[in-house]
Amino acid sequence: MKINEKAIAICKQHYEKQCGRCPIRSACVATVGHGQEGLDEWVRKVNEAAEKMSF
């Protein structure tokens, strides 16, 4: 599973400002669970947060 293009675009837009007011920041900074399953779940949540945004 990969971070989707929409999430990457949102990140690029906000990263220069140290993520200030980034709409997906809470998903990005969440703790990643153990193993591949934890990573996949984190990626899913980041992508889901990005998809909820109108961009």
C-alpha atoms as a PDB file:
ATOM      1  CA  MET A   1       0.000   0.000   0.000  1.00  0.00           C
ATOM      2  CA  LYS A   2       1.289   3.468  -0.912  1.00  0.00           C
ATOM      3  CA  ILE A   3       0.504   7.042   0.030  1.00  0.00           C
ATOM      4  CA  ASN A   4      -1.807   8.341  -2.707  1.00  0.00           C
ATOM      5  CA  GLU A   5      -1.110  11.310  -4.975  1.00  0.00           C
ATOM      6  CA  LYS A   6      -3.644  13.539  -3.236  1.00  0.00           C
ATOM      7  CA  ALA A   7      -1.973  13.030   0.157  1.00  0.00           C
ATOM      8  CA  ILE A   8       1.439  13.713  -1.369  1.00  0.00           C
ATOM      9  CA  ALA A   9       0.178  16.935  -2.963  1.00  0.00           C
ATOM     10  CA  ILE A  10      -1.333  18.120   0.335  1.00  0.00           C
ATOM     11  CA  CYS A  11       1.904  17.327   2.140  1.00  0.00           C
ATOM     12  CA  LYS A  12       4.018  19.203  -0.405  1.00  0.00           C
ATOM     13  CA  GLN A  13       1.780  22.233  -0.023  1.00  0.00           C
ATOM     14  CA  HIS A  14       2.078  22.354   3.786  1.00  0.00           C
ATOM     15  CA  TYR A  15       5.520  20.875   4.522  1.00  0.00           C
ATOM     16  CA  GLU A  16       7.403  24.096   3.783  1.00  0.00           C
ATOM     17  CA  LYS A  17       5.460  25.718   6.638  1.00  0.00           C
ATOM     18  CA  GLN A  18       6.337  22.918   9.093  1.00  0.00           C
ATOM     19  CA  CYS A  19       2.903  21.386   8.436  1.00  0.00           C
ATOM     20  CA  GLY A  20       1.085  24.401   9.873  1.00  0.00           C
ATOM     21  CA  ARG A  21      -2.679  24.088   9.358  1.00  0.00           C
ATOM     22  CA  CYS A  22      -2.256  20.928   7.298  1.00  0.00           C
ATOM     23  CA  PRO A  23      -5.649  19.230   7.043  1.00  0.00           C
ATOM     24  CA  ILE A  24      -4.192  15.707   7.190  1.00  0.00           C
ATOM     25  CA  ARG A  25      -1.578  16.334   9.889  1.00  0.00           C
ATOM     26  CA  SER A  26      -3.417  14.426  12.619  1.00  0.00           C
ATOM     27  CA  ALA A  27      -3.357  11.287  10.478  1.00  0.00           C
ATOM     28  CA  CYS A  28       0.291  11.796   9.476  1.00  0.00           C
ATOM     29  CA  VAL A  29       1.641  12.252  12.982  1.00  0.00           C
ATOM     30  CA  ALA A  30      -0.349   9.357  14.462  1.00  0.00           C
ATOM     31  CA  THR A  31       1.656   6.486  15.853  1.00  0.00           C
ATOM     32  CA  VAL A  32       2.338   3.725  13.350  1.00  0.00           C
ATOM     33  CA  GLY A  33       1.394   0.307  14.695  1.00  0.00           C
ATOM     34  CA  HIS A  34       3.693  -2.689  14.708  1.00  0.00           C
ATOM     35  CA  GLY A  35       4.634  -4.568  11.580  1.00  0.00           C
ATOM     36  CA  GLN A  36       3.377  -4.330   8.050  1.00  0.00           C
ATOM     37  CA  GLU A  37      -0.212  -4.329   9.259  1.00  0.00           C
ATOM     38  CA  GLY A  38       0.424  -1.221  11.352  1.00  0.00           C
ATOM     39  CA  LEU A  39       2.100   0.551   8.455  1.00  0.00           C
ATOM     40  CA  ASP A  40      -0.708  -0.390   6.072  1.00  0.00           C
ATOM     41  CA  GLU A  41      -3.303   0.925   8.519  1.00  0.00           C
ATOM     42  CA  TRP A  42      -1.411   4.223   8.906  1.00  0.00           C
ATOM     43  CA  VAL A  43      -1.169   4.637   5.121  1.00  0.00           C
ATOM     44  CA  ARG A  44      -4.883   3.873   4.776  1.00  0.00           C
ATOM     45  CA  LYS A  45      -5.771   6.545   7.349  1.00  0.00           C
ATOM     46  CA  VAL A  46      -3.519   9.157   5.724  1.00  0.00           C
ATOM     47  CA  ASN A  47      -5.027   8.416   2.311  1.00  0.00           C
ATOM     48  CA  GLU A  48      -8.542   8.475   3.756  1.00  0.00           C
ATOM     49  CA  ALA A  49      -7.909  11.873   5.382  1.00  0.00           C
ATOM     50  CA  ALA A  50      -6.616  13.220   2.065  1.00  0.00           C
ATOM     51  CA  GLU A  51      -9.613  11.920   0.133  1.00  0.00           C
ATOM     52  CA  LYS A  52     -11.965  13.767   2.499  1.00  0.00           C
ATOM     53  CA  MET A  53     -10.339  17.084   1.535  1.00  0.00           C
ATOM     54  CA  SER A  54     -11.441  19.162  -1.404  1.00  0.00           C
ATOM     55  CA  PHE A  55      -8.201  20.103  -3.120  1.00  0.00           C
END
